[in-house]
Amino acid sequence: FDTSMTVIAGIMGLILYQELAGVREGTIIAAILVGMTARFLNK
């Protein structure tokens, strides 16, 4: 689901603005780090 949202956002950015406007390296970092933080706190 997260991957699909990212891909769709990337395609939308290319169509609307001719660039990856809303998707960058921060999206990947957030996808990894947010889950790690939540799991760490839960543990």
All heavy atoms as atom14 arrays in JSON, in Angstrom:
{
  "sequence": "FDTSMTVIAGIMGLILYQELAGVREGTIIAAILVGMTARFLNK",
  "atom14_mask": [
    [1, 1, 1, 1, 1, 1, 1, 1, 1, 1, 1, 0, 0, 0],
    [1, 1, 1, 1, 1, 1, 1, 1, 0, 0, 0, 0, 0, 0],
    [1, 1, 1, 1, 1, 1, 1, 0, 0, 0, 0, 0, 0, 0],
    [1, 1, 1, 1, 1, 1, 0, 0, 0, 0, 0, 0, 0, 0],
    [1, 1, 1, 1, 1, 1, 1, 1, 0, 0, 0, 0, 0, 0],
    [1, 1, 1, 1, 1, 1, 1, 0, 0, 0, 0, 0, 0, 0],
    [1, 1, 1, 1, 1, 1, 1, 0, 0, 0, 0, 0, 0, 0],
    [1, 1, 1, 1, 1, 1, 1, 1, 0, 0, 0, 0, 0, 0],
    [1, 1, 1, 1, 1, 0, 0, 0, 0, 0, 0, 0, 0, 0],
    [1, 1, 1, 1, 0, 0, 0, 0, 0, 0, 0, 0, 0, 0],
    [1, 1, 1, 1, 1, 1, 1, 1, 0, 0, 0, 0, 0, 0],
    [1, 1, 1, 1, 1, 1, 1, 1, 0, 0, 0, 0, 0, 0],
    [1, 1, 1, 1, 0, 0, 0, 0, 0, 0, 0, 0, 0, 0],
    [1, 1, 1, 1, 1, 1, 1, 1, 0, 0, 0, 0, 0, 0],
    [1, 1, 1, 1, 1, 1, 1, 1, 0, 0, 0, 0, 0, 0],
    [1, 1, 1, 1, 1, 1, 1, 1, 0, 0, 0, 0, 0, 0],
    [1, 1, 1, 1, 1, 1, 1, 1, 1, 1, 1, 1, 0, 0],
    [1, 1, 1, 1, 1, 1, 1, 1, 1, 0, 0, 0, 0, 0],
    [1, 1, 1, 1, 1, 1, 1, 1, 1, 0, 0, 0, 0, 0],
    [1, 1, 1, 1, 1, 1, 1, 1, 0, 0, 0, 0, 0, 0],
    [1, 1, 1, 1, 1, 0, 0, 0, 0, 0, 0, 0, 0, 0],
    [1, 1, 1, 1, 0, 0, 0, 0, 0, 0, 0, 0, 0, 0],
    [1, 1, 1, 1, 1, 1, 1, 0, 0, 0, 0, 0, 0, 0],
    [1, 1, 1, 1, 1, 1, 1, 1, 1, 1, 1, 0, 0, 0],
    [1, 1, 1, 1, 1, 1, 1, 1, 1, 0, 0, 0, 0, 0],
    [1, 1, 1, 1, 0, 0, 0, 0, 0, 0, 0, 0, 0, 0],
    [1, 1, 1, 1, 1, 1, 1, 0, 0, 0, 0, 0, 0, 0],
    [1, 1, 1, 1, 1, 1, 1, 1, 0, 0, 0, 0, 0, 0],
    [1, 1, 1, 1, 1, 1, 1, 1, 0, 0, 0, 0, 0, 0],
    [1, 1, 1, 1, 1, 0, 0, 0, 0, 0, 0, 0, 0, 0],
    [1, 1, 1, 1, 1, 0, 0, 0, 0, 0, 0, 0, 0, 0],
    [1, 1, 1, 1, 1, 1, 1, 1, 0, 0, 0, 0, 0, 0],
    [1, 1, 1, 1, 1, 1, 1, 1, 0, 0, 0, 0, 0, 0],
    [1, 1, 1, 1, 1, 1, 1, 0, 0, 0, 0, 0, 0, 0],
    [1, 1, 1, 1, 0, 0, 0, 0, 0, 0, 0, 0, 0, 0],
    [1, 1, 1, 1, 1, 1, 1, 1, 0, 0, 0, 0, 0, 0],
    [1, 1, 1, 1, 1, 1, 1, 0, 0, 0, 0, 0, 0, 0],
    [1, 1, 1, 1, 1, 0, 0, 0, 0, 0, 0, 0, 0, 0],
    [1, 1, 1, 1, 1, 1, 1, 1, 1, 1, 1, 0, 0, 0],
    [1, 1, 1, 1, 1, 1, 1, 1, 1, 1, 1, 0, 0, 0],
    [1, 1, 1, 1, 1, 1, 1, 1, 0, 0, 0, 0, 0, 0],
    [1, 1, 1, 1, 1, 1, 1, 1, 0, 0, 0, 0, 0, 0],
    [1, 1, 1, 1, 1, 1, 1, 1, 1, 0, 0, 0, 0, 0]
  ],
  "atom14_positions": [
    [[0.83, -1.21, 0.0], [0.0, 0.0, 0.0], [0.86, 1.26, 0.0], [0.65, 2.17, -0.81], [-0.93, -0.01, 1.22], [-1.71, 1.26, 1.42], [-2.77, 1.56, 0.58], [-1.39, 2.13, 2.45], [-3.5, 2.73, 0.75], [-2.12, 3.29, 2.64], [-3.18, 3.59, 1.79], [0.0, 0.0, 0.0], [0.0, 0.0, 0.0], [0.0, 0.0, 0.0]],
    [[1.85, 1.3, 0.89], [2.73, 2.46, 0.96], [3.5, 2.65, -0.34], [3.68, 3.78, -0.82], [3.73, 2.3, 2.12], [3.07, 2.5, 3.48], [1.93, 2.99, 3.53], [3.7, 2.17, 4.51], [0.0, 0.0, 0.0], [0.0, 0.0, 0.0], [0.0, 0.0, 0.0], [0.0, 0.0, 0.0], [0.0, 0.0, 0.0], [0.0, 0.0, 0.0]],
    [[3.95, 1.54, -0.91], [4.68, 1.62, -2.18], [3.77, 2.15, -3.28], [4.18, 3.0, -4.09], [5.2, 0.23, -2.58], [6.06, -0.28, -1.54], [5.98, 0.3, -3.89], [0.0, 0.0, 0.0], [0.0, 0.0, 0.0], [0.0, 0.0, 0.0], [0.0, 0.0, 0.0], [0.0, 0.0, 0.0], [0.0, 0.0, 0.0], [0.0, 0.0, 0.0]],
    [[2.53, 1.68, -3.31], [1.57, 2.13, -4.32], [1.29, 3.61, -4.19], [1.23, 4.34, -5.21], [0.26, 1.34, -4.2], [0.47, -0.03, -4.4], [0.0, 0.0, 0.0], [0.0, 0.0, 0.0], [0.0, 0.0, 0.0], [0.0, 0.0, 0.0], [0.0, 0.0, 0.0], [0.0, 0.0, 0.0], [0.0, 0.0, 0.0], [0.0, 0.0, 0.0]],
    [[1.11, 4.1, -2.96], [0.86, 5.52, -2.74], [2.03, 6.37, -3.24], [1.84, 7.42, -3.86], [0.64, 5.8, -1.24], [-0.6, 5.17, -0.63], [-2.15, 5.77, -1.36], [-2.49, 4.41, -2.51], [0.0, 0.0, 0.0], [0.0, 0.0, 0.0], [0.0, 0.0, 0.0], [0.0, 0.0, 0.0], [0.0, 0.0, 0.0], [0.0, 0.0, 0.0]],
    [[3.25, 5.88, -2.99], [4.44, 6.61, -3.41], [4.55, 6.65, -4.93], [4.85, 7.71, -5.51], [5.7, 5.95, -2.81], [5.58, 5.92, -1.38], [6.94, 6.73, -3.19], [0.0, 0.0, 0.0], [0.0, 0.0, 0.0], [0.0, 0.0, 0.0], [0.0, 0.0, 0.0], [0.0, 0.0, 0.0], [0.0, 0.0, 0.0], [0.0, 0.0, 0.0]],
    [[4.31, 5.52, -5.56], [4.4, 5.44, -7.02], [3.33, 6.34, -7.67], [3.62, 7.08, -8.62], [4.23, 3.98, -7.51], [4.08, 3.93, -9.03], [5.42, 3.14, -7.07], [0.0, 0.0, 0.0], [0.0, 0.0, 0.0], [0.0, 0.0, 0.0], [0.0, 0.0, 0.0], [0.0, 0.0, 0.0], [0.0, 0.0, 0.0], [0.0, 0.0, 0.0]],
    [[2.11, 6.28, -7.15], [1.02, 7.1, -7.7], [1.36, 8.59, -7.55], [1.16, 9.39, -8.48], [-0.31, 6.78, -7.0], [-0.77, 5.36, -7.38], [-1.39, 7.79, -7.4], [-1.97, 4.88, -6.59], [0.0, 0.0, 0.0], [0.0, 0.0, 0.0], [0.0, 0.0, 0.0], [0.0, 0.0, 0.0], [0.0, 0.0, 0.0], [0.0, 0.0, 0.0]],
    [[1.87, 8.96, -6.36], [2.25, 10.36, -6.13], [3.35, 10.79, -7.09], [3.33, 11.91, -7.61], [2.69, 10.55, -4.68], [0.0, 0.0, 0.0], [0.0, 0.0, 0.0], [0.0, 0.0, 0.0], [0.0, 0.0, 0.0], [0.0, 0.0, 0.0], [0.0, 0.0, 0.0], [0.0, 0.0, 0.0], [0.0, 0.0, 0.0], [0.0, 0.0, 0.0]],
    [[4.3, 9.89, -7.34], [5.37, 10.2, -8.26], [4.86, 10.43, -9.68], [5.27, 11.38, -10.36], [0.0, 0.0, 0.0], [0.0, 0.0, 0.0], [0.0, 0.0, 0.0], [0.0, 0.0, 0.0], [0.0, 0.0, 0.0], [0.0, 0.0, 0.0], [0.0, 0.0, 0.0], [0.0, 0.0, 0.0], [0.0, 0.0, 0.0], [0.0, 0.0, 0.0]],
    [[3.95, 9.57, -10.12], [3.37, 9.71, -11.46], [2.55, 11.0, -11.56], [2.64, 11.72, -12.56], [2.47, 8.49, -11.77], [3.33, 7.22, -11.89], [1.68, 8.72, -13.07], [2.54, 5.95, -12.03], [0.0, 0.0, 0.0], [0.0, 0.0, 0.0], [0.0, 0.0, 0.0], [0.0, 0.0, 0.0], [0.0, 0.0, 0.0], [0.0, 0.0, 0.0]],
    [[1.8, 11.3, -10.5], [1.01, 12.54, -10.49], [1.92, 13.76, -10.59], [1.61, 14.73, -11.29], [0.16, 12.61, -9.22], [-0.96, 11.59, -9.17], [-1.83, 11.58, -7.58], [-2.53, 13.2, -7.57], [0.0, 0.0, 0.0], [0.0, 0.0, 0.0], [0.0, 0.0, 0.0], [0.0, 0.0, 0.0], [0.0, 0.0, 0.0], [0.0, 0.0, 0.0]],
    [[3.05, 13.73, -9.86], [3.99, 14.84, -9.9], [4.57, 15.04, -11.3], [4.7, 16.17, -11.77], [0.0, 0.0, 0.0], [0.0, 0.0, 0.0], [0.0, 0.0, 0.0], [0.0, 0.0, 0.0], [0.0, 0.0, 0.0], [0.0, 0.0, 0.0], [0.0, 0.0, 0.0], [0.0, 0.0, 0.0], [0.0, 0.0, 0.0], [0.0, 0.0, 0.0]],
    [[4.89, 13.93, -11.95], [5.45, 14.01, -13.31], [4.43, 14.57, -14.29], [4.77, 15.35, -15.19], [5.92, 12.63, -13.76], [7.16, 12.07, -13.05], [7.4, 10.63, -13.47], [8.38, 12.93, -13.36], [0.0, 0.0, 0.0], [0.0, 0.0, 0.0], [0.0, 0.0, 0.0], [0.0, 0.0, 0.0], [0.0, 0.0, 0.0], [0.0, 0.0, 0.0]],
    [[3.17, 14.17, -14.12], [2.12, 14.64, -15.02], [1.78, 16.11, -14.76], [1.67, 16.91, -15.69], [0.85, 13.78, -14.87], [1.11, 12.35, -15.37], [-0.33, 14.39, -15.64], [-0.02, 11.39, -15.11], [0.0, 0.0, 0.0], [0.0, 0.0, 0.0], [0.0, 0.0, 0.0], [0.0, 0.0, 0.0], [0.0, 0.0, 0.0], [0.0, 0.0, 0.0]],
    [[1.64, 16.46, -13.49], [1.19, 17.82, -13.14], [2.3, 18.86, -13.2], [2.08, 20.0, -13.6], [0.58, 17.81, -11.74], [-0.72, 17.01, -11.56], [-1.08, 16.94, -10.08], [-1.85, 17.64, -12.35], [0.0, 0.0, 0.0], [0.0, 0.0, 0.0], [0.0, 0.0, 0.0], [0.0, 0.0, 0.0], [0.0, 0.0, 0.0], [0.0, 0.0, 0.0]],
    [[3.51, 18.46, -12.76], [4.59, 19.45, -12.63], [5.85, 19.09, -13.41], [6.85, 19.79, -13.32], [4.96, 19.63, -11.15], [3.77, 19.67, -10.23], [3.57, 18.68, -9.27], [2.83, 20.7, -10.29], [2.47, 18.7, -8.41], [1.73, 20.74, -9.45], [1.55, 19.73, -8.51], [0.47, 19.75, -7.67], [0.0, 0.0, 0.0], [0.0, 0.0, 0.0]],
    [[5.81, 17.98, -14.13], [6.97, 17.5, -14.9], [8.19, 17.22, -14.01], [9.34, 17.33, -14.44], [7.37, 18.5, -16.01], [6.36, 18.6, -17.14], [5.1, 19.36, -16.73], [5.19, 20.49, -16.27], [3.93, 18.74, -16.89], [0.0, 0.0, 0.0], [0.0, 0.0, 0.0], [0.0, 0.0, 0.0], [0.0, 0.0, 0.0], [0.0, 0.0, 0.0]],
    [[7.95, 16.85, -12.76], [9.02, 16.47, -11.84], [8.45, 15.66, -10.69], [7.23, 15.64, -10.49], [9.72, 17.71, -11.29], [8.83, 18.61, -10.47], [9.59, 19.79, -9.88], [10.82, 19.69, -9.78], [8.94, 20.79, -9.5], [0.0, 0.0, 0.0], [0.0, 0.0, 0.0], [0.0, 0.0, 0.0], [0.0, 0.0, 0.0], [0.0, 0.0, 0.0]],
    [[9.33, 15.0, -9.94], [8.89, 14.24, -8.76], [8.69, 15.24, -7.62], [9.47, 15.29, -6.67], [9.93, 13.18, -8.4], [10.1, 12.03, -9.4], [11.27, 11.15, -9.0], [8.82, 11.2, -9.49], [0.0, 0.0, 0.0], [0.0, 0.0, 0.0], [0.0, 0.0, 0.0], [0.0, 0.0, 0.0], [0.0, 0.0, 0.0], [0.0, 0.0, 0.0]],
    [[7.63, 16.01, -7.7], [7.4, 17.12, -6.77], [7.18, 16.67, -5.33], [7.71, 17.25, -4.4], [6.22, 17.95, -7.26], [0.0, 0.0, 0.0], [0.0, 0.0, 0.0], [0.0, 0.0, 0.0], [0.0, 0.0, 0.0], [0.0, 0.0, 0.0], [0.0, 0.0, 0.0], [0.0, 0.0, 0.0], [0.0, 0.0, 0.0], [0.0, 0.0, 0.0]],
    [[6.37, 15.64, -5.13], [6.02, 15.26, -3.76], [6.74, 14.04, -3.26], [6.55, 13.62, -2.12], [0.0, 0.0, 0.0], [0.0, 0.0, 0.0], [0.0, 0.0, 0.0], [0.0, 0.0, 0.0], [0.0, 0.0, 0.0], [0.0, 0.0, 0.0], [0.0, 0.0, 0.0], [0.0, 0.0, 0.0], [0.0, 0.0, 0.0], [0.0, 0.0, 0.0]],
    [[7.55, 13.44, -4.11], [8.25, 12.21, -3.74], [9.75, 12.4, -3.96], [10.19, 12.68, -5.06], [7.76, 11.01, -4.58], [8.55, 9.76, -4.22], [6.28, 10.79, -4.38], [0.0, 0.0, 0.0], [0.0, 0.0, 0.0], [0.0, 0.0, 0.0], [0.0, 0.0, 0.0], [0.0, 0.0, 0.0], [0.0, 0.0, 0.0], [0.0, 0.0, 0.0]],
    [[10.51, 12.24, -2.86], [11.96, 12.34, -2.96], [12.59, 11.35, -2.0], [11.91, 10.45, -1.49], [12.42, 13.78, -2.65], [12.11, 14.78, -3.75], [12.71, 16.14, -3.47], [14.16, 16.06, -3.23], [14.9, 17.13, -2.95], [14.34, 18.32, -2.84], [16.2, 17.0, -2.74], [0.0, 0.0, 0.0], [0.0, 0.0, 0.0], [0.0, 0.0, 0.0]],
    [[13.87, 11.53, -1.73], [14.56, 10.6, -0.84], [13.96, 10.58, 0.56], [14.01, 9.57, 1.26], [16.05, 10.94, -0.76], [16.38, 12.33, -0.23], [16.42, 13.4, -1.3], [15.66, 13.31, -2.28], [17.21, 14.35, -1.14], [0.0, 0.0, 0.0], [0.0, 0.0, 0.0], [0.0, 0.0, 0.0], [0.0, 0.0, 0.0], [0.0, 0.0, 0.0]],
    [[13.35, 11.71, 0.95], [12.74, 11.78, 2.27], [11.57, 10.81, 2.43], [11.29, 10.34, 3.54], [0.0, 0.0, 0.0], [0.0, 0.0, 0.0], [0.0, 0.0, 0.0], [0.0, 0.0, 0.0], [0.0, 0.0, 0.0], [0.0, 0.0, 0.0], [0.0, 0.0, 0.0], [0.0, 0.0, 0.0], [0.0, 0.0, 0.0], [0.0, 0.0, 0.0]],
    [[10.9, 10.51, 1.33], [9.78, 9.58, 1.38], [10.26, 8.18, 1.75], [9.64, 7.49, 2.58], [9.07, 9.53, 0.0], [8.7, 10.86, -0.38], [7.83, 8.66, 0.07], [0.0, 0.0, 0.0], [0.0, 0.0, 0.0], [0.0, 0.0, 0.0], [0.0, 0.0, 0.0], [0.0, 0.0, 0.0], [0.0, 0.0, 0.0], [0.0, 0.0, 0.0]],
    [[11.37, 7.77, 1.17], [11.93, 6.45, 1.48], [12.45, 6.41, 2.91], [12.22, 5.44, 3.64], [13.07, 6.11, 0.49], [12.53, 6.08, -0.94], [13.72, 4.78, 0.85], [13.59, 5.92, -2.0], [0.0, 0.0, 0.0], [0.0, 0.0, 0.0], [0.0, 0.0, 0.0], [0.0, 0.0, 0.0], [0.0, 0.0, 0.0], [0.0, 0.0, 0.0]],
    [[13.15, 7.47, 3.31], [13.67, 7.53, 4.68], [12.54, 7.47, 5.69], [12.61, 6.77, 6.7], [14.51, 8.81, 4.88], [15.77, 8.76, 4.01], [14.88, 9.01, 6.35], [16.56, 10.05, 3.98], [0.0, 0.0, 0.0], [0.0, 0.0, 0.0], [0.0, 0.0, 0.0], [0.0, 0.0, 0.0], [0.0, 0.0, 0.0], [0.0, 0.0, 0.0]],
    [[11.46, 8.22, 5.42], [10.31, 8.23, 6.32], [9.67, 6.85, 6.4], [9.28, 6.4, 7.49], [9.28, 9.26, 5.85], [0.0, 0.0, 0.0], [0.0, 0.0, 0.0], [0.0, 0.0, 0.0], [0.0, 0.0, 0.0], [0.0, 0.0, 0.0], [0.0, 0.0, 0.0], [0.0, 0.0, 0.0], [0.0, 0.0, 0.0], [0.0, 0.0, 0.0]],
    [[9.56, 6.17, 5.26], [8.94, 4.85, 5.24], [9.7, 3.86, 6.14], [9.1, 2.99, 6.77], [8.89, 4.32, 3.81], [0.0, 0.0, 0.0], [0.0, 0.0, 0.0], [0.0, 0.0, 0.0], [0.0, 0.0, 0.0], [0.0, 0.0, 0.0], [0.0, 0.0, 0.0], [0.0, 0.0, 0.0], [0.0, 0.0, 0.0], [0.0, 0.0, 0.0]],
    [[11.02, 4.03, 6.2], [11.84, 3.12, 7.01], [11.92, 3.56, 8.47], [11.67, 2.78, 9.39], [13.27, 3.02, 6.42], [13.21, 2.43, 5.01], [14.17, 2.18, 7.32], [14.54, 2.5, 4.28], [0.0, 0.0, 0.0], [0.0, 0.0, 0.0], [0.0, 0.0, 0.0], [0.0, 0.0, 0.0], [0.0, 0.0, 0.0], [0.0, 0.0, 0.0]],
    [[12.24, 4.83, 8.68], [12.54, 5.32, 10.02], [11.31, 5.43, 10.92], [11.39, 5.15, 12.13], [13.23, 6.69, 9.92], [13.82, 7.26, 11.22], [14.79, 6.27, 11.84], [14.52, 8.58, 10.94], [0.0, 0.0, 0.0], [0.0, 0.0, 0.0], [0.0, 0.0, 0.0], [0.0, 0.0, 0.0], [0.0, 0.0, 0.0], [0.0, 0.0, 0.0]],
    [[10.16, 5.8, 10.36], [8.94, 5.93, 11.16], [8.54, 4.59, 11.78], [8.25, 4.49, 12.97], [7.78, 6.5, 10.31], [6.46, 6.4, 11.08], [8.06, 7.95, 9.94], [0.0, 0.0, 0.0], [0.0, 0.0, 0.0], [0.0, 0.0, 0.0], [0.0, 0.0, 0.0], [0.0, 0.0, 0.0], [0.0, 0.0, 0.0], [0.0, 0.0, 0.0]],
    [[8.55, 3.54, 10.95], [8.2, 2.21, 11.45], [9.19, 1.72, 12.48], [8.8, 1.11, 13.5], [0.0, 0.0, 0.0], [0.0, 0.0, 0.0], [0.0, 0.0, 0.0], [0.0, 0.0, 0.0], [0.0, 0.0, 0.0], [0.0, 0.0, 0.0], [0.0, 0.0, 0.0], [0.0, 0.0, 0.0], [0.0, 0.0, 0.0], [0.0, 0.0, 0.0]],
    [[10.49, 1.97, 12.26], [11.52, 1.56, 13.21], [11.32, 2.25, 14.56], [11.44, 1.63, 15.62], [12.9, 1.89, 12.66], [13.35, 1.01, 11.51], [14.97, 1.51, 10.83], [16.0, 1.39, 12.29], [0.0, 0.0, 0.0], [0.0, 0.0, 0.0], [0.0, 0.0, 0.0], [0.0, 0.0, 0.0], [0.0, 0.0, 0.0], [0.0, 0.0, 0.0]],
    [[10.98, 3.54, 14.52], [10.77, 4.3, 15.75], [9.57, 3.78, 16.52], [9.63, 3.59, 17.75], [10.56, 5.79, 15.43], [11.69, 6.3, 14.72], [10.36, 6.6, 16.7], [0.0, 0.0, 0.0], [0.0, 0.0, 0.0], [0.0, 0.0, 0.0], [0.0, 0.0, 0.0], [0.0, 0.0, 0.0], [0.0, 0.0, 0.0], [0.0, 0.0, 0.0]],
    [[8.48, 3.52, 15.81], [7.26, 3.01, 16.45], [7.51, 1.65, 17.09], [7.08, 1.4, 18.23], [6.13, 2.93, 15.43], [0.0, 0.0, 0.0], [0.0, 0.0, 0.0], [0.0, 0.0, 0.0], [0.0, 0.0, 0.0], [0.0, 0.0, 0.0], [0.0, 0.0, 0.0], [0.0, 0.0, 0.0], [0.0, 0.0, 0.0], [0.0, 0.0, 0.0]],
    [[8.21, 0.77, 16.39], [8.5, -0.57, 16.93], [9.43, -0.49, 18.13], [9.26, -1.23, 19.11], [9.09, -1.46, 15.84], [8.08, -1.91, 14.78], [8.66, -2.99, 13.88], [9.75, -2.5, 13.06], [9.59, -1.94, 11.87], [8.38, -1.81, 11.36], [10.63, -1.52, 11.17], [0.0, 0.0, 0.0], [0.0, 0.0, 0.0], [0.0, 0.0, 0.0]],
    [[10.42, 0.41, 18.07], [11.36, 0.56, 19.18], [10.63, 1.02, 20.44], [10.83, 0.48, 21.53], [12.44, 1.58, 18.8], [13.38, 1.93, 19.92], [14.41, 1.07, 20.26], [13.21, 3.1, 20.66], [15.28, 1.38, 21.31], [14.06, 3.41, 21.7], [15.1, 2.55, 22.03], [0.0, 0.0, 0.0], [0.0, 0.0, 0.0], [0.0, 0.0, 0.0]],
    [[9.77, 2.03, 20.3], [9.02, 2.55, 21.45], [8.08, 1.5, 22.0], [7.9, 1.37, 23.22], [8.25, 3.8, 21.05], [9.09, 5.04, 20.75], [8.22, 6.17, 20.22], [9.83, 5.5, 22.0], [0.0, 0.0, 0.0], [0.0, 0.0, 0.0], [0.0, 0.0, 0.0], [0.0, 0.0, 0.0], [0.0, 0.0, 0.0], [0.0, 0.0, 0.0]],
    [[7.46, 0.72, 21.11], [6.55, -0.32, 21.57], [7.29, -1.38, 22.38], [6.79, -1.87, 23.4], [5.86, -0.97, 20.37], [4.8, -1.97, 20.79], [3.87, -1.64, 21.53], [4.93, -3.2, 20.33], [0.0, 0.0, 0.0], [0.0, 0.0, 0.0], [0.0, 0.0, 0.0], [0.0, 0.0, 0.0], [0.0, 0.0, 0.0], [0.0, 0.0, 0.0]],
    [[8.49, -1.72, 21.93], [9.3, -2.72, 22.63], [9.75, -2.22, 23.99], [9.77, -2.98, 24.97], [10.52, -3.08, 21.77], [11.42, -4.14, 22.4], [12.59, -4.47, 21.48], [13.5, -5.5, 22.11], [14.67, -5.82, 21.22], [0.0, 0.0, 0.0], [0.0, 0.0, 0.0], [0.0, 0.0, 0.0], [0.0, 0.0, 0.0], [0.0, 0.0, 0.0]]
  ]
}
